[in-house]
Amino acid sequence: MYYQKPLETLLEEAHEARSIFMSFNGRNGGKPKDTLQKLIERIVEKEPKIDCNRLLHRLRAEKSFDVIVDVMDGIISFEDTTGEITDAKIAALKHRLSRAKKELVAKAGKSD
């Protein structure tokens, strides 16, 4: 019993360790980008004023290249970095486009 720490001390240490871990975890910037998001970012770099409908047409045109496998029935099938075929809803395209535009603005702000 002499060498054991009180419960309050253990909880405080756990809280401090968690905050340190979470700060390092937060620096990674969330989950890594998939190949579809990288493709959308390349398209947005070339055409920053693109809207969702035009982006969808561009993705359909990219179908013959390496990333997009198929676009149909509200789903975009693409090959991920691991080589697996992954699906994304076309309805989520506006969120992906918004993220790509925000990142483009952030990169422009950093370079100035």
N, C-alpha and C. Protein backbone atom coordinates (compact mmCIF):
# COMPACT_ATOMS: atom_id res chain seq x y z
N MET A 1 0.82 -1.19 0.00
CA MET A 1 0.00 0.00 0.00
C MET A 1 0.86 1.26 0.00
N TYR A 2 2.06 1.17 0.56
CA TYR A 2 2.90 2.34 0.68
C TYR A 2 3.28 2.89 -0.69
N TYR A 3 3.56 1.99 -1.67
CA TYR A 3 4.01 2.42 -2.99
C TYR A 3 2.87 2.72 -3.95
N GLN A 4 1.66 2.48 -3.59
CA GLN A 4 0.53 2.74 -4.46
C GLN A 4 0.14 4.21 -4.40
N LYS A 5 -0.24 4.74 -5.58
CA LYS A 5 -0.66 6.14 -5.65
C LYS A 5 -2.16 6.23 -5.38
N PRO A 6 -2.60 7.34 -4.85
CA PRO A 6 -4.04 7.52 -4.65
C PRO A 6 -4.78 7.61 -5.99
N LEU A 7 -6.02 7.26 -5.96
CA LEU A 7 -6.84 7.25 -7.17
C LEU A 7 -6.87 8.62 -7.84
N GLU A 8 -6.97 9.69 -7.08
CA GLU A 8 -7.01 11.04 -7.64
C GLU A 8 -5.73 11.35 -8.42
N THR A 9 -4.59 10.94 -7.91
CA THR A 9 -3.31 11.17 -8.58
C THR A 9 -3.25 10.40 -9.90
N LEU A 10 -3.72 9.17 -9.87
CA LEU A 10 -3.74 8.37 -11.10
C LEU A 10 -4.66 8.98 -12.15
N LEU A 11 -5.80 9.48 -11.73
CA LEU A 11 -6.72 10.12 -12.67
C LEU A 11 -6.13 11.39 -13.26
N GLU A 12 -5.44 12.19 -12.43
CA GLU A 12 -4.78 13.40 -12.94
C GLU A 12 -3.70 13.05 -13.96
N GLU A 13 -2.90 12.04 -13.68
CA GLU A 13 -1.85 11.63 -14.61
C GLU A 13 -2.44 11.11 -15.91
N ALA A 14 -3.53 10.37 -15.81
CA ALA A 14 -4.19 9.86 -17.01
C ALA A 14 -4.75 11.01 -17.84
N HIS A 15 -5.30 12.01 -17.18
CA HIS A 15 -5.83 13.18 -17.88
C HIS A 15 -4.72 13.93 -18.61
N GLU A 16 -3.58 14.12 -17.96
CA GLU A 16 -2.44 14.80 -18.59
C GLU A 16 -1.90 13.99 -19.77
N ALA A 17 -1.79 12.69 -19.60
CA ALA A 17 -1.30 11.83 -20.68
C ALA A 17 -2.26 11.86 -21.87
N ARG A 18 -3.55 11.87 -21.60
CA ARG A 18 -4.55 11.92 -22.66
C ARG A 18 -4.45 13.23 -23.42
N SER A 19 -4.28 14.34 -22.71
CA SER A 19 -4.21 15.63 -23.39
C SER A 19 -2.96 15.71 -24.27
N ILE A 20 -1.85 15.15 -23.81
CA ILE A 20 -0.63 15.12 -24.63
C ILE A 20 -0.85 14.26 -25.87
N PHE A 21 -1.44 13.09 -25.67
CA PHE A 21 -1.71 12.20 -26.80
C PHE A 21 -2.65 12.86 -27.82
N MET A 22 -3.70 13.49 -27.34
CA MET A 22 -4.67 14.12 -28.24
C MET A 22 -4.05 15.29 -29.00
N SER A 23 -3.13 16.01 -28.37
CA SER A 23 -2.49 17.11 -29.08
C SER A 23 -1.62 16.59 -30.22
N PHE A 24 -0.89 15.49 -29.98
CA PHE A 24 -0.11 14.89 -31.06
C PHE A 24 -1.01 14.31 -32.13
N ASN A 25 -2.11 13.71 -31.73
CA ASN A 25 -3.05 13.13 -32.67
C ASN A 25 -3.68 14.22 -33.53
N GLY A 26 -3.98 15.36 -32.95
CA GLY A 26 -4.59 16.46 -33.68
C GLY A 26 -3.66 17.08 -34.71
N ARG A 27 -2.38 16.97 -34.50
CA ARG A 27 -1.42 17.54 -35.45
C ARG A 27 -1.37 16.79 -36.76
N ASN A 28 -1.83 15.55 -36.76
CA ASN A 28 -1.82 14.76 -37.98
C ASN A 28 -2.86 15.22 -38.98
N GLY A 29 -3.83 16.00 -38.56
CA GLY A 29 -4.80 16.56 -39.48
C GLY A 29 -5.92 15.62 -39.87
N GLY A 30 -6.28 14.69 -39.05
CA GLY A 30 -7.39 13.80 -39.36
C GLY A 30 -6.94 12.61 -40.20
N LYS A 31 -7.90 12.00 -40.87
CA LYS A 31 -7.57 10.82 -41.64
C LYS A 31 -6.94 11.20 -42.98
N PRO A 32 -6.13 10.32 -43.54
CA PRO A 32 -5.45 10.63 -44.80
C PRO A 32 -6.44 10.73 -45.96
N LYS A 33 -6.05 11.46 -46.98
CA LYS A 33 -6.90 11.65 -48.15
C LYS A 33 -6.89 10.39 -49.02
N ASP A 34 -8.05 10.08 -49.57
CA ASP A 34 -8.10 8.97 -50.51
C ASP A 34 -7.79 9.49 -51.91
N THR A 35 -7.70 8.57 -52.87
CA THR A 35 -7.31 8.95 -54.23
C THR A 35 -8.36 9.83 -54.90
N LEU A 36 -9.64 9.63 -54.57
CA LEU A 36 -10.69 10.47 -55.15
C LEU A 36 -10.53 11.91 -54.69
N GLN A 37 -10.24 12.12 -53.41
CA GLN A 37 -10.06 13.47 -52.89
C GLN A 37 -8.83 14.13 -53.52
N LYS A 38 -7.77 13.37 -53.71
CA LYS A 38 -6.57 13.91 -54.36
C LYS A 38 -6.87 14.31 -55.80
N LEU A 39 -7.66 13.50 -56.49
CA LEU A 39 -8.04 13.82 -57.87
C LEU A 39 -8.89 15.09 -57.91
N ILE A 40 -9.84 15.20 -56.98
CA ILE A 40 -10.69 16.39 -56.91
C ILE A 40 -9.83 17.63 -56.64
N GLU A 41 -8.84 17.50 -55.78
CA GLU A 41 -7.96 18.63 -55.49
C GLU A 41 -7.16 19.05 -56.72
N ARG A 42 -6.70 18.08 -57.52
CA ARG A 42 -5.98 18.42 -58.75
C ARG A 42 -6.90 19.15 -59.73
N ILE A 43 -8.15 18.70 -59.82
CA ILE A 43 -9.11 19.35 -60.72
C ILE A 43 -9.38 20.77 -60.24
N VAL A 44 -9.56 20.96 -58.94
CA VAL A 44 -9.84 22.28 -58.37
C VAL A 44 -8.66 23.22 -58.56
N GLU A 45 -7.43 22.70 -58.50
CA GLU A 45 -6.26 23.55 -58.73
C GLU A 45 -6.28 24.11 -60.15
N LYS A 46 -6.70 23.29 -61.11
CA LYS A 46 -6.76 23.75 -62.51
C LYS A 46 -7.95 24.67 -62.75
N GLU A 47 -9.05 24.40 -62.06
CA GLU A 47 -10.30 25.12 -62.29
C GLU A 47 -10.94 25.47 -60.94
N PRO A 48 -10.48 26.54 -60.27
CA PRO A 48 -10.95 26.86 -58.91
C PRO A 48 -12.43 27.22 -58.80
N LYS A 49 -13.06 27.67 -59.86
CA LYS A 49 -14.47 28.09 -59.81
C LYS A 49 -15.44 26.96 -60.18
N ILE A 50 -14.96 25.74 -60.22
CA ILE A 50 -15.78 24.60 -60.65
C ILE A 50 -16.92 24.35 -59.66
N ASP A 51 -18.07 23.92 -60.18
CA ASP A 51 -19.20 23.56 -59.32
C ASP A 51 -19.37 22.04 -59.34
N CYS A 52 -20.33 21.57 -58.56
CA CYS A 52 -20.52 20.11 -58.40
C CYS A 52 -20.87 19.40 -59.71
N ASN A 53 -21.76 19.99 -60.49
CA ASN A 53 -22.16 19.34 -61.74
C ASN A 53 -21.00 19.24 -62.71
N ARG A 54 -20.23 20.32 -62.82
CA ARG A 54 -19.07 20.30 -63.72
C ARG A 54 -18.02 19.31 -63.21
N LEU A 55 -17.85 19.25 -61.91
CA LEU A 55 -16.91 18.29 -61.33
C LEU A 55 -17.32 16.86 -61.64
N LEU A 56 -18.60 16.57 -61.54
CA LEU A 56 -19.10 15.24 -61.85
C LEU A 56 -18.80 14.88 -63.32
N HIS A 57 -18.99 15.85 -64.22
CA HIS A 57 -18.67 15.60 -65.64
C HIS A 57 -17.17 15.35 -65.82
N ARG A 58 -16.35 16.10 -65.10
CA ARG A 58 -14.90 15.90 -65.19
C ARG A 58 -14.52 14.53 -64.65
N LEU A 59 -15.16 14.09 -63.57
CA LEU A 59 -14.86 12.77 -63.01
C LEU A 59 -15.28 11.66 -63.97
N ARG A 60 -16.42 11.85 -64.65
CA ARG A 60 -16.83 10.87 -65.66
C ARG A 60 -15.82 10.80 -66.80
N ALA A 61 -15.26 11.95 -67.16
CA ALA A 61 -14.23 11.98 -68.21
C ALA A 61 -12.95 11.30 -67.74
N GLU A 62 -12.68 11.34 -66.45
CA GLU A 62 -11.47 10.71 -65.88
C GLU A 62 -11.62 9.20 -65.76
N LYS A 63 -12.79 8.67 -66.10
CA LYS A 63 -13.07 7.24 -65.90
C LYS A 63 -12.07 6.36 -66.66
N SER A 64 -11.57 6.83 -67.78
CA SER A 64 -10.66 6.00 -68.57
C SER A 64 -9.25 5.97 -67.99
N PHE A 65 -8.97 6.84 -67.00
CA PHE A 65 -7.64 6.88 -66.39
C PHE A 65 -7.59 5.97 -65.17
N ASP A 66 -6.62 6.17 -64.29
CA ASP A 66 -6.31 5.18 -63.27
C ASP A 66 -7.16 5.22 -62.01
N VAL A 67 -7.83 6.33 -61.67
CA VAL A 67 -8.50 6.43 -60.38
C VAL A 67 -9.96 5.99 -60.45
N ILE A 68 -10.75 6.60 -61.32
CA ILE A 68 -12.19 6.34 -61.39
C ILE A 68 -12.45 5.03 -62.14
N VAL A 69 -13.23 4.17 -61.52
CA VAL A 69 -13.59 2.90 -62.14
C VAL A 69 -14.94 3.02 -62.84
N ASP A 70 -15.94 3.58 -62.12
CA ASP A 70 -17.28 3.70 -62.69
C ASP A 70 -18.06 4.80 -61.97
N VAL A 71 -18.95 5.46 -62.71
CA VAL A 71 -19.85 6.46 -62.13
C VAL A 71 -21.25 6.11 -62.59
N MET A 72 -22.10 5.63 -61.63
CA MET A 72 -23.47 5.28 -62.00
C MET A 72 -24.34 5.11 -60.75
N ASP A 73 -25.62 5.30 -60.91
CA ASP A 73 -26.61 5.09 -59.86
C ASP A 73 -26.28 5.82 -58.56
N GLY A 74 -25.78 7.04 -58.68
CA GLY A 74 -25.52 7.83 -57.50
C GLY A 74 -24.26 7.44 -56.74
N ILE A 75 -23.41 6.63 -57.37
CA ILE A 75 -22.20 6.15 -56.70
C ILE A 75 -21.00 6.29 -57.64
N ILE A 76 -19.89 6.75 -57.07
CA ILE A 76 -18.62 6.81 -57.79
C ILE A 76 -17.75 5.69 -57.24
N SER A 77 -17.34 4.79 -58.10
CA SER A 77 -16.43 3.71 -57.70
C SER A 77 -15.03 4.12 -58.13
N PHE A 78 -14.09 4.03 -57.19
CA PHE A 78 -12.72 4.41 -57.51
C PHE A 78 -11.74 3.46 -56.84
N GLU A 79 -10.53 3.44 -57.37
CA GLU A 79 -9.49 2.57 -56.82
C GLU A 79 -8.73 3.35 -55.77
N ASP A 80 -8.67 2.80 -54.57
CA ASP A 80 -7.99 3.47 -53.46
C ASP A 80 -6.50 3.19 -53.52
N THR A 81 -5.75 3.78 -52.61
CA THR A 81 -4.29 3.62 -52.61
C THR A 81 -3.86 2.17 -52.39
N THR A 82 -4.71 1.40 -51.74
CA THR A 82 -4.39 -0.01 -51.49
C THR A 82 -4.73 -0.91 -52.68
N GLY A 83 -5.39 -0.34 -53.70
CA GLY A 83 -5.78 -1.11 -54.87
C GLY A 83 -7.19 -1.66 -54.78
N GLU A 84 -7.87 -1.41 -53.67
CA GLU A 84 -9.24 -1.88 -53.52
C GLU A 84 -10.21 -0.91 -54.20
N ILE A 85 -11.32 -1.44 -54.67
CA ILE A 85 -12.36 -0.61 -55.26
C ILE A 85 -13.24 -0.10 -54.11
N THR A 86 -13.39 1.22 -54.03
CA THR A 86 -14.15 1.87 -52.97
C THR A 86 -15.25 2.70 -53.59
N ASP A 87 -16.37 2.82 -52.91
CA ASP A 87 -17.50 3.60 -53.40
C ASP A 87 -17.67 4.87 -52.59
N ALA A 88 -18.09 5.93 -53.28
CA ALA A 88 -18.44 7.19 -52.62
C ALA A 88 -19.73 7.68 -53.24
N LYS A 89 -20.61 8.23 -52.42
CA LYS A 89 -21.88 8.73 -52.93
C LYS A 89 -21.66 10.04 -53.69
N ILE A 90 -22.39 10.19 -54.79
CA ILE A 90 -22.32 11.44 -55.55
C ILE A 90 -22.84 12.60 -54.70
N ALA A 91 -23.78 12.32 -53.80
CA ALA A 91 -24.31 13.36 -52.93
C ALA A 91 -23.23 13.95 -52.02
N ALA A 92 -22.20 13.18 -51.72
CA ALA A 92 -21.11 13.67 -50.86
C ALA A 92 -20.07 14.45 -51.65
N LEU A 93 -20.26 14.55 -52.95
CA LEU A 93 -19.30 15.24 -53.80
C LEU A 93 -19.18 16.72 -53.44
N LYS A 94 -20.29 17.33 -53.05
CA LYS A 94 -20.24 18.75 -52.70
C LYS A 94 -19.37 19.00 -51.48
N HIS A 95 -19.36 18.06 -50.52
CA HIS A 95 -18.52 18.20 -49.34
C HIS A 95 -17.04 18.04 -49.71
N ARG A 96 -16.77 17.07 -50.58
CA ARG A 96 -15.39 16.87 -51.03
C ARG A 96 -14.90 18.09 -51.80
N LEU A 97 -15.76 18.65 -52.64
CA LEU A 97 -15.40 19.83 -53.41
C LEU A 97 -15.15 21.02 -52.48
N SER A 98 -15.99 21.18 -51.50
CA SER A 98 -15.82 22.27 -50.54
C SER A 98 -14.49 22.13 -49.79
N ARG A 99 -14.16 20.92 -49.37
CA ARG A 99 -12.89 20.69 -48.68
C ARG A 99 -11.70 21.01 -49.57
N ALA A 100 -11.79 20.63 -50.84
CA ALA A 100 -10.69 20.88 -51.77
C ALA A 100 -10.52 22.38 -52.00
N LYS A 101 -11.63 23.11 -52.11
CA LYS A 101 -11.54 24.56 -52.29
C LYS A 101 -10.98 25.24 -51.06
N LYS A 102 -11.38 24.79 -49.87
CA LYS A 102 -10.83 25.36 -48.64
C LYS A 102 -9.33 25.12 -48.56
N GLU A 103 -8.89 23.94 -48.94
CA GLU A 103 -7.46 23.64 -48.89
C GLU A 103 -6.70 24.48 -49.89
N LEU A 104 -7.29 24.72 -51.06
CA LEU A 104 -6.65 25.57 -52.07
C LEU A 104 -6.48 26.99 -51.56
N VAL A 105 -7.49 27.50 -50.88
CA VAL A 105 -7.42 28.84 -50.29
C VAL A 105 -6.36 28.88 -49.19
N ALA A 106 -6.30 27.82 -48.37
CA ALA A 106 -5.33 27.76 -47.29
C ALA A 106 -3.90 27.72 -47.85
N LYS A 107 -3.68 26.97 -48.92
CA LYS A 107 -2.36 26.91 -49.54
C LYS A 107 -1.99 28.27 -50.12
N ALA A 108 -2.95 28.95 -50.72
CA ALA A 108 -2.68 30.28 -51.28
C ALA A 108 -2.33 31.26 -50.17
N GLY A 109 -2.97 31.14 -49.03
CA GLY A 109 -2.69 32.01 -47.90
C GLY A 109 -1.32 31.78 -47.30
N LYS A 110 -0.85 30.53 -47.32
CA LYS A 110 0.46 30.20 -46.77
C LYS A 110 1.59 30.70 -47.66
N SER A 111 1.37 30.68 -48.97
CA SER A 111 2.45 31.06 -49.91
C SER A 111 2.64 32.56 -49.99
N ASP A 112 1.65 33.36 -49.56
CA ASP A 112 1.80 34.82 -49.64
C ASP A 112 2.69 35.36 -48.57
